Amino acid sequence: MPIRWYGTGDNTDPLYRHYSRIVNFTLHAGAFVALSSGLWFVQSMRHPWNHLDLFSEIWFVALLIHLAVVVKRRPPADADSRES
């Protein structure tokens, strides 16, 4: 089920910013998976690329850092309790 935002797109809302960071992380992870797996597939079909493993490892570390930032900047639990 996709994430849906039912409120206004207010950049001052910490929960909205958190969901924005989650969406940015999933786009980053999707790009990593698509490009990295595509490059490894092309490498297996053609001549080897000597630095593909280093490229994938560096990008994976960047992805883990991005995940750590998303988790660390998560708003407190009381921020999601809104008044209706």
Protein backbone atom coordinates (compact mmCIF):
# COMPACT_ATOMS: atom_id res chain seq x y z
CA MET A 1 0.00 0.00 0.00
CA PRO A 2 1.54 3.33 -0.99
CA ILE A 3 2.14 6.11 1.47
CA ARG A 4 -0.61 8.74 1.23
CA TRP A 5 -0.46 12.16 2.75
CA TYR A 6 -3.88 13.49 3.71
CA GLY A 7 -2.77 16.82 5.14
CA THR A 8 -1.43 19.91 3.48
CA GLY A 9 2.10 19.91 2.15
CA ASP A 10 3.52 22.10 4.90
CA ASN A 11 7.33 22.02 5.10
CA THR A 12 7.22 23.17 8.72
CA ASP A 13 5.36 20.00 9.76
CA PRO A 14 7.94 17.51 11.13
CA LEU A 15 5.87 14.47 10.15
CA TYR A 16 5.56 15.75 6.57
CA ARG A 17 9.32 16.29 6.40
CA HIS A 18 9.89 12.77 7.76
CA TYR A 19 7.69 11.22 5.08
CA SER A 20 9.51 13.32 2.50
CA ARG A 21 12.83 11.90 3.72
CA ILE A 22 11.40 8.37 3.57
CA VAL A 23 10.24 8.88 -0.02
CA ASN A 24 13.64 10.31 -0.98
CA PHE A 25 15.35 7.31 0.61
CA THR A 26 13.16 4.82 -1.25
CA LEU A 27 13.92 6.61 -4.53
CA HIS A 28 17.63 6.45 -3.68
CA ALA A 29 17.39 2.74 -2.86
CA GLY A 30 15.41 2.02 -6.03
CA ALA A 31 17.97 3.81 -8.18
CA PHE A 32 20.77 1.90 -6.46
CA VAL A 33 19.12 -1.47 -7.00
CA ALA A 34 18.16 -0.79 -10.61
CA LEU A 35 21.48 0.65 -11.73
CA SER A 36 23.70 -1.66 -9.74
CA SER A 37 21.92 -4.84 -10.78
CA GLY A 38 21.84 -3.66 -14.39
CA LEU A 39 25.57 -2.96 -14.37
CA TRP A 40 26.33 -6.35 -12.81
CA PHE A 41 24.15 -8.05 -15.42
CA VAL A 42 25.91 -6.23 -18.27
CA GLN A 43 29.26 -7.10 -16.74
CA SER A 44 28.36 -10.80 -16.63
CA MET A 45 27.36 -10.72 -20.30
CA ARG A 46 30.36 -8.75 -21.57
CA HIS A 47 33.91 -8.08 -20.44
CA PRO A 48 34.50 -7.51 -16.70
CA TRP A 49 34.67 -4.03 -15.27
CA ASN A 50 37.47 -4.02 -12.69
CA HIS A 51 36.03 -1.34 -10.39
CA LEU A 52 32.35 -2.30 -10.38
CA ASP A 53 32.59 -3.91 -6.94
CA LEU A 54 34.16 -0.75 -5.49
CA PHE A 55 31.51 1.41 -7.16
CA SER A 56 28.71 -0.74 -5.74
CA GLU A 57 30.24 -0.84 -2.26
CA ILE A 58 30.71 2.95 -2.09
CA TRP A 59 27.16 3.55 -3.27
CA PHE A 60 25.83 0.99 -0.77
CA VAL A 61 27.68 2.76 2.06
CA ALA A 62 26.15 6.06 0.90
CA LEU A 63 22.74 4.35 0.96
CA LEU A 64 23.33 3.14 4.53
CA ILE A 65 24.36 6.65 5.58
CA HIS A 66 21.17 8.00 3.99
CA LEU A 67 19.14 5.43 5.95
CA ALA A 68 20.90 6.42 9.19
CA VAL A 69 20.08 10.08 8.56
CA VAL A 70 16.41 9.23 7.93
CA VAL A 71 16.18 7.19 11.13
CA LYS A 72 18.10 9.73 13.22
CA ARG A 73 15.96 12.68 12.06
CA ARG A 74 12.71 10.86 12.79
CA PRO A 75 10.32 13.13 14.70
CA PRO A 76 9.38 12.24 18.28
CA ALA A 77 6.39 9.96 18.80
CA ASP A 78 4.21 12.78 20.14
CA ALA A 79 4.63 14.78 16.91
CA ASP A 80 2.22 12.50 15.03
CA SER A 81 -0.67 13.03 17.44
CA ARG A 82 -2.68 15.73 15.69
CA GLU A 83 -5.71 17.57 16.86
CA SER A 84 -8.71 16.97 14.63
